[in-house]
C-alpha atoms as a PDB file:
ATOM      1  CA  UNK A   1       0.000   0.000   0.000  1.00  0.00           C
ATOM      2  CA  UNK A   2       2.896   2.376   0.713  1.00  0.00           C
ATOM      3  CA  UNK A   3       3.891   2.295  -2.954  1.00  0.00           C
ATOM      4  CA  UNK A   4       0.456   3.202  -4.241  1.00  0.00           C
ATOM      5  CA  UNK A   5      -0.309   6.806  -5.128  1.00  0.00           C
ATOM      6  CA  UNK A   6      -3.159   8.462  -3.328  1.00  0.00           C
ATOM      7  CA  UNK A   7      -6.082   9.167  -5.576  1.00  0.00           C
ATOM      8  CA  UNK A   8      -6.443  12.904  -6.166  1.00  0.00           C
ATOM      9  CA  UNK A   9     -10.028  12.552  -7.312  1.00  0.00           C
ATOM     10  CA  UNK A  10     -11.554   9.243  -6.181  1.00  0.00           C
ATOM     11  CA  UNK A  11     -14.645   8.198  -8.052  1.00  0.00           C
ATOM     12  CA  UNK A  12     -17.888   8.592  -6.175  1.00  0.00           C
ATOM     13  CA  UNK A  13     -19.432   5.345  -5.012  1.00  0.00           C
ATOM     14  CA  UNK A  14     -23.164   4.686  -5.322  1.00  0.00           C
ATOM     15  CA  UNK A  15     -24.984   5.830  -2.202  1.00  0.00           C
ATOM     16  CA  UNK A  16     -25.134   3.183   0.506  1.00  0.00           C
ATOM     17  CA  UNK A  17     -22.263   1.064  -0.868  1.00  0.00           C
ATOM     18  CA  UNK A  18     -21.319  -1.796   1.457  1.00  0.00           C
ATOM     19  CA  UNK A  19     -17.524  -1.595   2.113  1.00  0.00           C
ATOM     20  CA  UNK A  20     -17.317  -5.392   1.855  1.00  0.00           C
ATOM     21  CA  UNK A  21     -19.231  -5.554  -1.440  1.00  0.00           C
ATOM     22  CA  UNK A  22     -17.429  -5.887  -4.783  1.00  0.00           C
ATOM     23  CA  UNK A  23     -16.272  -2.482  -5.999  1.00  0.00           C
ATOM     24  CA  UNK A  24     -18.608  -0.767  -8.447  1.00  0.00           C
ATOM     25  CA  UNK A  25     -15.721  -0.289 -10.930  1.00  0.00           C
ATOM     26  CA  UNK A  26     -15.669  -3.992 -11.807  1.00  0.00           C
ATOM     27  CA  UNK A  27     -12.144  -4.706 -10.540  1.00  0.00           C
ATOM     28  CA  UNK A  28     -13.316  -7.775  -8.587  1.00  0.00           C
ATOM     29  CA  UNK A  29     -11.921  -6.390  -5.324  1.00  0.00           C
ATOM     30  CA  UNK A  30     -13.975  -5.324  -2.318  1.00  0.00           C
ATOM     31  CA  UNK A  31     -14.925  -1.654  -2.333  1.00  0.00           C
ATOM     32  CA  UNK A  32     -12.925  -0.969   0.846  1.00  0.00           C
ATOM     33  CA  UNK A  33      -9.785  -2.318  -0.830  1.00  0.00           C
ATOM     34  CA  UNK A  34     -10.377  -0.536  -4.152  1.00  0.00           C
ATOM     35  CA  UNK A  35     -12.056   2.852  -4.713  1.00  0.00           C
ATOM     36  CA  UNK A  36     -12.991   3.046  -1.044  1.00  0.00           C
ATOM     37  CA  UNK A  37      -9.408   2.698   0.190  1.00  0.00           C
ATOM     38  CA  UNK A  38      -8.378   6.309  -0.472  1.00  0.00           C
ATOM     39  CA  UNK A  39      -5.631   5.108  -2.825  1.00  0.00           C
ATOM     40  CA  UNK A  40      -5.524   4.911  -6.594  1.00  0.00           C
ATOM     41  CA  UNK A  41      -7.150   1.554  -7.435  1.00  0.00           C
ATOM     42  CA  UNK A  42      -5.421  -1.164  -9.414  1.00  0.00           C
ATOM     43  CA  UNK A  43      -6.116  -1.053 -13.156  1.00  0.00           C
ATOM     44  CA  UNK A  44      -7.238  -4.674 -13.686  1.00  0.00           C
ATOM     45  CA  UNK A  45      -6.679  -4.731 -17.465  1.00  0.00           C
ATOM     46  CA  UNK A  46      -3.879  -2.246 -18.174  1.00  0.00           C
ATOM     47  CA  UNK A  47      -3.513  -3.300 -21.826  1.00  0.00           C
ATOM     48  CA  UNK A  48      -7.216  -3.106 -22.648  1.00  0.00           C
ATOM     49  CA  UNK A  49      -7.812  -1.088 -25.804  1.00  0.00           C
ATOM     50  CA  UNK A  50      -4.395  -1.810 -27.266  1.00  0.00           C
ATOM     51  CA  UNK A  51      -4.123  -3.918 -30.442  1.00  0.00           C
ATOM     52  CA  UNK A  52      -2.995  -7.394 -29.384  1.00  0.00           C
ATOM     53  CA  UNK A  53      -3.901  -7.095 -25.700  1.00  0.00           C
ATOM     54  CA  UNK A  54      -3.315 -10.831 -25.211  1.00  0.00           C
ATOM     55  CA  UNK A  55       0.182 -10.663 -26.709  1.00  0.00           C
ATOM     56  CA  UNK A  56       1.025  -7.648 -24.537  1.00  0.00           C
ATOM     57  CA  UNK A  57       0.228  -9.847 -21.520  1.00  0.00           C
ATOM     58  CA  UNK A  58       2.320 -12.691 -22.961  1.00  0.00           C
ATOM     59  CA  UNK A  59       5.370 -10.499 -23.580  1.00  0.00           C
ATOM     60  CA  UNK A  60       5.013  -8.937 -20.152  1.00  0.00           C
ATOM     61  CA  UNK A  61       4.702 -12.206 -18.201  1.00  0.00           C
ATOM     62  CA  UNK A  62       5.404 -15.345 -20.227  1.00  0.00           C
ATOM     63  CA  UNK A  63       7.702 -14.983 -23.241  1.00  0.00           C
ATOM     64  CA  UNK A  64      11.463 -14.759 -22.625  1.00  0.00           C
ATOM     65  CA  UNK A  65      12.731 -13.300 -25.905  1.00  0.00           C
ATOM     66  CA  UNK A  66      10.452 -11.570 -28.404  1.00  0.00           C
ATOM     67  CA  UNK A  67       9.981  -8.265 -30.204  1.00  0.00           C
ATOM     68  CA  UNK A  68       7.187  -6.391 -31.966  1.00  0.00           C
ATOM     69  CA  UNK A  69       7.049  -3.170 -33.967  1.00  0.00           C
ATOM     70  CA  UNK A  70       5.151  -0.207 -32.543  1.00  0.00           C
ATOM     71  CA  UNK A  71       4.427   3.294 -33.783  1.00  0.00           C
ATOM     72  CA  UNK A  72       4.007   6.340 -31.588  1.00  0.00           C
ATOM     73  CA  UNK A  73       0.981   8.584 -31.854  1.00  0.00           C
ATOM     74  CA  UNK A  74       3.132  11.109 -33.732  1.00  0.00           C
ATOM     75  CA  UNK A  75       4.306   8.503 -36.248  1.00  0.00           C
ATOM     76  CA  UNK A  76       7.725   7.474 -34.907  1.00  0.00           C
ATOM     77  CA  UNK A  77       8.859   3.832 -35.079  1.00  0.00           C
ATOM     78  CA  UNK A  78       9.599   1.887 -31.896  1.00  0.00           C
ATOM     79  CA  UNK A  79      10.458  -1.708 -31.048  1.00  0.00           C
ATOM     80  CA  UNK A  80       8.833  -3.455 -28.108  1.00  0.00           C
ATOM     81  CA  UNK A  81      11.039  -6.133 -26.533  1.00  0.00           C
ATOM     82  CA  UNK A  82      10.021  -8.653 -23.921  1.00  0.00           C
ATOM     83  CA  UNK A  83      13.046  -7.584 -21.876  1.00  0.00           C
ATOM     84  CA  UNK A  84      16.066  -5.314 -22.417  1.00  0.00           C
ATOM     85  CA  UNK A  85      19.640  -5.641 -21.076  1.00  0.00           C
ATOM     86  CA  UNK A  86      19.744  -5.195 -17.334  1.00  0.00           C
ATOM     87  CA  UNK A  87      15.971  -4.869 -17.253  1.00  0.00           C
ATOM     88  CA  UNK A  88      16.238  -1.340 -18.659  1.00  0.00           C
ATOM     89  CA  UNK A  89      12.839   0.283 -19.283  1.00  0.00           C
ATOM     90  CA  UNK A  90      13.977   1.676 -22.655  1.00  0.00           C
ATOM     91  CA  UNK A  91      17.028   2.540 -24.719  1.00  0.00           C
ATOM     92  CA  UNK A  92      17.860   4.603 -27.796  1.00  0.00           C
ATOM     93  CA  UNK A  93      20.576   3.213 -30.044  1.00  0.00           C
ATOM     94  CA  UNK A  94      23.216   5.410 -31.648  1.00  0.00           C
ATOM     95  CA  UNK A  95      21.296   5.119 -34.943  1.00  0.00           C
ATOM     96  CA  UNK A  96      18.159   6.496 -33.252  1.00  0.00           C
ATOM     97  CA  UNK A  97      16.275   3.198 -32.961  1.00  0.00           C
ATOM     98  CA  UNK A  98      14.027   3.232 -29.885  1.00  0.00           C
ATOM     99  CA  UNK A  99      13.486   0.044 -27.893  1.00  0.00           C
ATOM    100  CA  UNK A 100      11.078  -0.352 -24.986  1.00  0.00           C
ATOM    101  CA  UNK A 101      11.069  -3.258 -22.525  1.00  0.00           C
ATOM    102  CA  UNK A 102       7.811  -4.910 -21.484  1.00  0.00           C
ATOM    103  CA  UNK A 103       9.248  -6.577 -18.391  1.00  0.00           C
ATOM    104  CA  UNK A 104      10.282  -4.157 -15.640  1.00  0.00           C
ATOM    105  CA  UNK A 105      11.854  -4.821 -12.261  1.00  0.00           C
ATOM    106  CA  UNK A 106       8.921  -3.179 -10.449  1.00  0.00           C
ATOM    107  CA  UNK A 107       5.426  -2.097 -11.366  1.00  0.00           C
ATOM    108  CA  UNK A 108       2.744   0.222 -10.088  1.00  0.00           C
ATOM    109  CA  UNK A 109      -0.992  -0.391 -10.046  1.00  0.00           C
ATOM    110  CA  UNK A 110      -1.206   0.685 -13.701  1.00  0.00           C
ATOM    111  CA  UNK A 111       1.344  -1.181 -15.828  1.00  0.00           C
ATOM    112  CA  UNK A 112       0.194   0.721 -18.913  1.00  0.00           C
ATOM    113  CA  UNK A 113       1.291   3.978 -17.269  1.00  0.00           C
ATOM    114  CA  UNK A 114       4.638   2.433 -16.293  1.00  0.00           C
ATOM    115  CA  UNK A 115       5.375   1.449 -19.886  1.00  0.00           C
ATOM    116  CA  UNK A 116       3.866   4.641 -21.291  1.00  0.00           C
ATOM    117  CA  UNK A 117       6.216   6.644 -19.064  1.00  0.00           C
ATOM    118  CA  UNK A 118       9.150   4.706 -20.565  1.00  0.00           C
ATOM    119  CA  UNK A 119       7.917   5.335 -24.119  1.00  0.00           C
ATOM    120  CA  UNK A 120       7.455   9.073 -23.533  1.00  0.00           C
ATOM    121  CA  UNK A 121      10.953   9.395 -22.045  1.00  0.00           C
ATOM    122  CA  UNK A 122      12.520   7.405 -24.903  1.00  0.00           C
ATOM    123  CA  UNK A 123      10.830   9.614 -27.491  1.00  0.00           C
ATOM    124  CA  UNK A 124      12.522  12.638 -25.887  1.00  0.00           C
ATOM    125  CA  UNK A 125      15.968  11.080 -25.348  1.00  0.00           C
ATOM    126  CA  UNK A 126      18.803  11.841 -27.775  1.00  0.00           C
ATOM    127  CA  UNK A 127      20.344   9.021 -29.815  1.00  0.00           C
ATOM    128  CA  UNK A 128      22.854   6.934 -27.914  1.00  0.00           C
ATOM    129  CA  UNK A 129      21.954   8.440 -24.546  1.00  0.00           C
ATOM    130  CA  UNK A 130      20.530   6.560 -21.542  1.00  0.00           C
ATOM    131  CA  UNK A 131      16.771   6.840 -21.129  1.00  0.00           C
ATOM    132  CA  UNK A 132      15.833   8.315 -17.753  1.00  0.00           C
ATOM    133  CA  UNK A 133      12.046   8.040 -17.289  1.00  0.00           C
ATOM    134  CA  UNK A 134      12.238   9.178 -13.668  1.00  0.00           C
ATOM    135  CA  UNK A 135      10.353   7.321 -10.908  1.00  0.00           C
ATOM    136  CA  UNK A 136       8.660   4.333 -12.472  1.00  0.00           C
ATOM    137  CA  UNK A 137       6.943   1.191 -11.258  1.00  0.00           C
ATOM    138  CA  UNK A 138       6.603   0.701  -7.530  1.00  0.00           C
ATOM    139  CA  UNK A 139       7.274   4.364  -6.815  1.00  0.00           C
ATOM    140  CA  UNK A 140       4.376   5.354  -9.045  1.00  0.00           C
ATOM    141  CA  UNK A 141       4.712   6.431 -12.666  1.00  0.00           C
ATOM    142  CA  UNK A 142       3.846   9.996 -13.636  1.00  0.00           C
ATOM    143  CA  UNK A 143       3.844   9.758 -17.439  1.00  0.00           C
ATOM    144  CA  UNK A 144       1.102   8.946 -19.959  1.00  0.00           C
ATOM    145  CA  UNK A 145      -0.464   5.558 -20.541  1.00  0.00           C
ATOM    146  CA  UNK A 146       0.382   3.409 -23.571  1.00  0.00           C
ATOM    147  CA  UNK A 147      -3.079   4.109 -24.953  1.00  0.00           C
ATOM    148  CA  UNK A 148      -2.149   7.821 -25.078  1.00  0.00           C
ATOM    149  CA  UNK A 149       1.307   7.584 -26.693  1.00  0.00           C
ATOM    150  CA  UNK A 150       0.897   4.768 -29.248  1.00  0.00           C
ATOM    151  CA  UNK A 151      -0.820   4.631 -32.640  1.00  0.00           C
ATOM    152  CA  UNK A 152      -3.689   2.267 -31.876  1.00  0.00           C
ATOM    153  CA  UNK A 153      -4.262   1.407 -35.543  1.00  0.00           C
ATOM    154  CA  UNK A 154      -0.983  -0.539 -35.806  1.00  0.00           C
ATOM    155  CA  UNK A 155      -1.415  -4.284 -35.110  1.00  0.00           C
ATOM    156  CA  UNK A 156       0.945  -6.012 -32.689  1.00  0.00           C
ATOM    157  CA  UNK A 157       2.844  -8.675 -34.638  1.00  0.00           C
ATOM    158  CA  UNK A 158       5.141 -10.660 -32.358  1.00  0.00           C
ATOM    159  CA  UNK A 159       8.425 -12.241 -33.424  1.00  0.00           C
ATOM    160  CA  UNK A 160       9.794 -14.848 -31.002  1.00  0.00           C
ATOM    161  CA  UNK A 161      13.589 -15.152 -30.881  1.00  0.00           C
ATOM    162  CA  UNK A 162      15.793 -18.084 -29.879  1.00  0.00           C
ATOM    163  CA  UNK A 163      18.381 -15.698 -28.430  1.00  0.00           C
ATOM    164  CA  UNK A 164      18.754 -12.134 -27.166  1.00  0.00           C
ATOM    165  CA  UNK A 165      21.123 -11.307 -30.019  1.00  0.00           C
ATOM    166  CA  UNK A 166      18.745  -8.522 -31.063  1.00  0.00           C
ATOM    167  CA  UNK A 167      20.072  -6.607 -28.055  1.00  0.00           C
ATOM    168  CA  UNK A 168      23.370  -5.998 -29.866  1.00  0.00           C
ATOM    169  CA  UNK A 169      22.086  -5.930 -33.430  1.00  0.00           C
ATOM    170  CA  UNK A 170      23.913  -3.226 -35.379  1.00  0.00           C
ATOM    171  CA  UNK A 171      26.039  -2.236 -32.379  1.00  0.00           C
ATOM    172  CA  UNK A 172      29.691  -2.771 -31.529  1.00  0.00           C
ATOM    173  CA  UNK A 173      29.929  -4.633 -28.230  1.00  0.00           C
ATOM    174  CA  UNK A 174      32.881  -5.370 -25.992  1.00  0.00           C
ATOM    175  CA  UNK A 175      33.809  -8.646 -24.366  1.00  0.00           C
ATOM    176  CA  UNK A 176      31.801  -7.904 -21.210  1.00  0.00           C
ATOM    177  CA  UNK A 177      28.634  -7.198 -23.170  1.00  0.00           C
ATOM    178  CA  UNK A 178      29.009 -10.360 -25.207  1.00  0.00           C
ATOM    179  CA  UNK A 179      29.628 -12.416 -22.094  1.00  0.00           C
ATOM    180  CA  UNK A 180      26.464 -10.996 -20.542  1.00  0.00           C
ATOM    181  CA  UNK A 181      24.558 -11.772 -23.710  1.00  0.00           C
ATOM    182  CA  UNK A 182      25.756 -15.366 -23.675  1.00  0.00           C
ATOM    183  CA  UNK A 183      24.678 -15.758 -20.062  1.00  0.00           C
ATOM    184  CA  UNK A 184      21.244 -14.343 -20.866  1.00  0.00           C
ATOM    185  CA  UNK A 185      20.877 -16.636 -23.881  1.00  0.00           C
ATOM    186  CA  UNK A 186      21.549 -19.679 -21.715  1.00  0.00           C
ATOM    187  CA  UNK A 187      18.518 -18.814 -19.567  1.00  0.00           C
ATOM    188  CA  UNK A 188      16.018 -18.813 -22.461  1.00  0.00           C
ATOM    189  CA  UNK A 189      13.425 -21.581 -22.526  1.00  0.00           C
ATOM    190  CA  UNK A 190      12.605 -22.805 -26.064  1.00  0.00           C
ATOM    191  CA  UNK A 191       9.418 -20.925 -27.014  1.00  0.00           C
ATOM    192  CA  UNK A 192       7.240 -20.904 -30.154  1.00  0.00           C
ATOM    193  CA  UNK A 193       4.152 -18.830 -30.931  1.00  0.00           C
ATOM    194  CA  UNK A 194       1.657 -21.179 -32.602  1.00  0.00           C
ATOM    195  CA  UNK A 195       0.874 -19.980 -36.117  1.00  0.00           C
ATOM    196  CA  UNK A 196      -2.643 -18.728 -36.764  1.00  0.00           C
ATOM    197  CA  UNK A 197      -3.648 -18.690 -33.088  1.00  0.00           C
ATOM    198  CA  UNK A 198      -3.855 -15.560 -30.961  1.00  0.00           C
ATOM    199  CA  UNK A 199      -1.294 -15.482 -28.129  1.00  0.00           C
ATOM    200  CA  UNK A 200      -0.827 -19.267 -27.925  1.00  0.00           C
ATOM    201  CA  UNK A 201       2.753 -20.064 -26.884  1.00  0.00           C
ATOM    202  CA  UNK A 202       4.441 -23.471 -26.731  1.00  0.00           C
ATOM    203  CA  UNK A 203       7.322 -23.657 -24.253  1.00  0.00           C
ATOM    204  CA  UNK A 204       9.609 -26.510 -23.198  1.00  0.00           C
ATOM    205  CA  UNK A 205      11.132 -25.972 -19.745  1.00  0.00           C
ATOM    206  CA  UNK A 206      12.868 -29.367 -19.709  1.00  0.00           C
ATOM    207  CA  UNK A 207      13.198 -32.764 -21.344  1.00  0.00           C
ATOM    208  CA  UNK A 208      10.202 -34.297 -19.618  1.00  0.00           C
ATOM    209  CA  UNK A 209       7.305 -32.017 -20.502  1.00  0.00           C
ATOM    210  CA  UNK A 210       6.350 -29.068 -22.672  1.00  0.00           C
ATOM    211  CA  UNK A 211       3.486 -26.632 -22.091  1.00  0.00           C
ATOM    212  CA  UNK A 212       0.977 -24.639 -24.087  1.00  0.00           C
ATOM    213  CA  UNK A 213       0.237 -21.278 -22.484  1.00  0.00           C
ATOM    214  CA  UNK A 214      -2.659 -19.529 -24.193  1.00  0.00           C
ATOM    215  CA  UNK A 215      -3.646 -15.993 -23.189  1.00  0.00           C
ATOM    216  CA  UNK A 216      -7.384 -15.733 -23.735  1.00  0.00           C
ATOM    217  CA  UNK A 217      -9.244 -12.475 -24.547  1.00  0.00           C
ATOM    218  CA  UNK A 218     -12.554 -13.439 -22.923  1.00  0.00           C
ATOM    219  CA  UNK A 219     -13.781 -12.116 -19.590  1.00  0.00           C
ATOM    220  CA  UNK A 220     -12.753 -14.407 -16.759  1.00  0.00           C
ATOM    221  CA  UNK A 221     -16.180 -15.577 -15.598  1.00  0.00           C
ATOM    222  CA  UNK A 222     -17.356 -16.274 -19.145  1.00  0.00           C
ATOM    223  CA  UNK A 223     -14.200 -18.233 -19.950  1.00  0.00           C
ATOM    224  CA  UNK A 224     -14.342 -20.262 -16.729  1.00  0.00           C
ATOM    225  CA  UNK A 225     -17.924 -21.304 -17.442  1.00  0.00           C
ATOM    226  CA  UNK A 226     -16.946 -22.420 -20.948  1.00  0.00           C
ATOM    227  CA  UNK A 227     -13.905 -24.339 -19.719  1.00  0.00           C
ATOM    228  CA  UNK A 228     -16.043 -25.978 -17.033  1.00  0.00           C
ATOM    229  CA  UNK A 229     -18.502 -27.193 -19.684  1.00  0.00           C
ATOM    230  CA  UNK A 230     -15.636 -28.650 -21.707  1.00  0.00           C
ATOM    231  CA  UNK A 231     -14.035 -30.239 -18.650  1.00  0.00           C
ATOM    232  CA  UNK A 232     -17.282 -31.902 -17.568  1.00  0.00           C
ATOM    233  CA  UNK A 233     -17.746 -33.215 -21.119  1.00  0.00           C
ATOM    234  CA  UNK A 234     -14.118 -34.487 -21.197  1.00  0.00           C
ATOM    235  CA  UNK A 235     -13.328 -32.139 -24.092  1.00  0.00           C
ATOM    236  CA  UNK A 236     -10.766 -29.868 -22.440  1.00  0.00           C
ATOM    237  CA  UNK A 237      -7.660 -31.840 -23.453  1.00  0.00           C
ATOM    238  CA  UNK A 238      -5.606 -31.327 -26.610  1.00  0.00           C
ATOM    239  CA  UNK A 239      -5.096 -35.001 -27.362  1.00  0.00           C
ATOM    240  CA  UNK A 240      -3.406 -38.140 -26.085  1.00  0.00           C
ATOM    241  CA  UNK A 241      -0.714 -37.562 -23.512  1.00  0.00           C
ATOM    242  CA  UNK A 242      -1.924 -34.047 -22.665  1.00  0.00           C
ATOM    243  CA  UNK A 243      -3.219 -32.728 -19.358  1.00  0.00           C
ATOM    244  CA  UNK A 244      -4.971 -29.512 -18.385  1.00  0.00           C
ATOM    245  CA  UNK A 245      -2.551 -28.177 -15.768  1.00  0.00           C
ATOM    246  CA  UNK A 246      -4.403 -25.059 -14.632  1.00  0.00           C
ATOM    247  CA  UNK A 247      -4.269 -21.370 -15.462  1.00  0.00           C
ATOM    248  CA  UNK A 248      -2.494 -18.122 -14.712  1.00  0.00           C
ATOM    249  CA  UNK A 249      -4.366 -14.890 -14.091  1.00  0.00           C
ATOM    250  CA  UNK A 250      -2.430 -11.922 -15.431  1.00  0.00           C
ATOM    251  CA  UNK A 251      -3.455  -8.302 -16.051  1.00  0.00           C
ATOM    252  CA  UNK A 252      -7.159  -9.108 -16.093  1.00  0.00           C
ATOM    253  CA  UNK A 253      -6.945 -12.087 -18.458  1.00  0.00           C
ATOM    254  CA  UNK A 254      -6.795 -15.851 -17.940  1.00  0.00           C
ATOM    255  CA  UNK A 255      -3.991 -17.993 -19.362  1.00  0.00           C
ATOM    256  CA  UNK A 256      -4.969 -21.692 -19.551  1.00  0.00           C
ATOM    257  CA  UNK A 257      -1.984 -24.068 -19.469  1.00  0.00           C
ATOM    258  CA  UNK A 258      -1.736 -27.608 -20.811  1.00  0.00           C
ATOM    259  CA  UNK A 259       1.031 -30.151 -20.176  1.00  0.00           C
ATOM    260  CA  UNK A 260       2.245 -31.688 -23.448  1.00  0.00           C
ATOM    261  CA  UNK A 261       4.690 -34.451 -24.418  1.00  0.00           C
ATOM    262  CA  UNK A 262       8.124 -32.849 -24.726  1.00  0.00           C
ATOM    263  CA  UNK A 263       9.150 -34.798 -27.827  1.00  0.00           C
ATOM    264  CA  UNK A 264       6.278 -33.538 -30.022  1.00  0.00           C
ATOM    265  CA  UNK A 265       7.320 -30.507 -32.125  1.00  0.00           C
ATOM    266  CA  UNK A 266       5.546 -27.232 -31.384  1.00  0.00           C
ATOM    267  CA  UNK A 267       4.015 -27.013 -34.860  1.00  0.00           C
ATOM    268  CA  UNK A 268       2.200 -30.320 -34.364  1.00  0.00           C
ATOM    269  CA  UNK A 269      -0.022 -28.681 -31.763  1.00  0.00           C
ATOM    270  CA  UNK A 270      -1.517 -26.106 -34.121  1.00  0.00           C
ATOM    271  CA  UNK A 271      -4.169 -28.576 -35.322  1.00  0.00           C
ATOM    272  CA  UNK A 272      -5.275 -29.816 -31.868  1.00  0.00           C
ATOM    273  CA  UNK A 273      -5.307 -26.263 -30.526  1.00  0.00           C
ATOM    274  CA  UNK A 274      -7.387 -25.071 -33.485  1.00  0.00           C
ATOM    275  CA  UNK A 275      -9.876 -27.883 -32.858  1.00  0.00           C
ATOM    276  CA  UNK A 276     -10.033 -26.904 -29.201  1.00  0.00           C
ATOM    277  CA  UNK A 277     -10.703 -23.309 -30.251  1.00  0.00           C
ATOM    278  CA  UNK A 278     -13.789 -24.529 -32.123  1.00  0.00           C
ATOM    279  CA  UNK A 279     -15.039 -26.452 -29.086  1.00  0.00           C
ATOM    280  CA  UNK A 280     -14.395 -23.457 -26.848  1.00  0.00           C
ATOM    281  CA  UNK A 281     -16.335 -21.099 -29.113  1.00  0.00           C
ATOM    282  CA  UNK A 282     -19.365 -23.420 -28.931  1.00  0.00           C
ATOM    283  CA  UNK A 283     -19.079 -23.593 -25.154  1.00  0.00           C
ATOM    284  CA  UNK A 284     -18.791 -19.806 -24.921  1.00  0.00           C
ATOM    285  CA  UNK A 285     -22.038 -19.483 -26.873  1.00  0.00           C
ATOM    286  CA  UNK A 286     -23.935 -21.596 -24.304  1.00  0.00           C
ATOM    287  CA  UNK A 287     -26.199 -19.539 -22.075  1.00  0.00           C
ATOM    288  CA  UNK A 288     -27.870 -22.195 -19.916  1.00  0.00           C
ATOM    289  CA  UNK A 289     -26.854 -22.334 -16.231  1.00  0.00           C
ATOM    290  CA  UNK A 290     -24.107 -24.821 -15.389  1.00  0.00           C
ATOM    291  CA  UNK A 291     -25.344 -28.224 -14.266  1.00  0.00           C
ATOM    292  CA  UNK A 292     -24.015 -30.022 -11.174  1.00  0.00           C
ATOM    293  CA  UNK A 293     -21.125 -31.731 -12.988  1.00  0.00           C
ATOM    294  CA  UNK A 294     -20.118 -28.472 -14.651  1.00  0.00           C
ATOM    295  CA  UNK A 295     -20.209 -26.586 -11.335  1.00  0.00           C
ATOM    296  CA  UNK A 296     -17.922 -29.206  -9.776  1.00  0.00           C
ATOM    297  CA  UNK A 297     -15.608 -28.935 -12.761  1.00  0.00           C
ATOM    298  CA  UNK A 298     -15.570 -25.149 -12.419  1.00  0.00           C
ATOM    299  CA  UNK A 299     -14.595 -25.380  -8.755  1.00  0.00           C
ATOM    300  CA  UNK A 300     -11.736 -27.662  -9.744  1.00  0.00           C
ATOM    301  CA  UNK A 301     -10.545 -25.225 -12.388  1.00  0.00           C
ATOM    302  CA  UNK A 302     -10.599 -22.346  -9.884  1.00  0.00           C
ATOM    303  CA  UNK A 303      -8.440 -24.326  -7.467  1.00  0.00           C
ATOM    304  CA  UNK A 304      -5.733 -24.584 -10.127  1.00  0.00           C
ATOM    305  CA  UNK A 305      -5.405 -20.873 -10.904  1.00  0.00           C
ATOM    306  CA  UNK A 306      -2.376 -18.787  -9.958  1.00  0.00           C
ATOM    307  CA  UNK A 307      -2.457 -14.985 -10.081  1.00  0.00           C
ATOM    308  CA  UNK A 308       0.638 -13.393 -11.612  1.00  0.00           C
ATOM    309  CA  UNK A 309      -0.766  -9.880 -11.437  1.00  0.00           C
END
């Protein structure tokens, strides 16, 4: 709480609001811990409204090495990277190329403002100079949000990399920098974005199992109901040898995770995942209340969720 900025103009609650009731803003928190706390409330979906919201979440929380092209509201080109050397929020190369890191060491209650502060500072920094965005993250970020500084008509097209070599692309690096790069490359888990599927990432953390982590765009309650229907009907798996492991909750979205055989290439899962997508869309269209088996399945799914943010 000490790192959260006090709200200068807290929104007015409906008259007679119960402090223990869910907050009227839809955050899912109790009113007394959200708008009623006297502090700026958490922004539950900081990337909402940005093209590729699901991939923003993936690059922020799940993908080790990836980039995507961005454009500022005034037409300047930028590169979004999952992470930059030393966890830097942004950098400007000697040739003027601007890079912004999605993964920061600390964050405030509005990650979009954290990253937007980095973008705004990078746009003002001279070529080859360090980017100094000022207080950012846990100390509270004072700059604009991403939705204010980016061109929202440009789609987010992610490129996953096997290494962090893009850090030094086009730059002369000394022995220390190359040694640091090699150390960073050794930490990367093999990762593939499944072709034709939105924010579905295959990752192999070891020789025993691989995983599919799929950031979903649906609202949490709607998605959980659909997954519960599929689980009760024994249609939640992706094929033989797979297991539904659970889900992450990150930045207002749910990320279902499946365990997969490690020796099956990533591309072989495009078909099963596409078929699952069809089953999920049918389940999402169902409007009838959950039956007893589906309610039990839903409770089981909830018990296997981990909140990242």
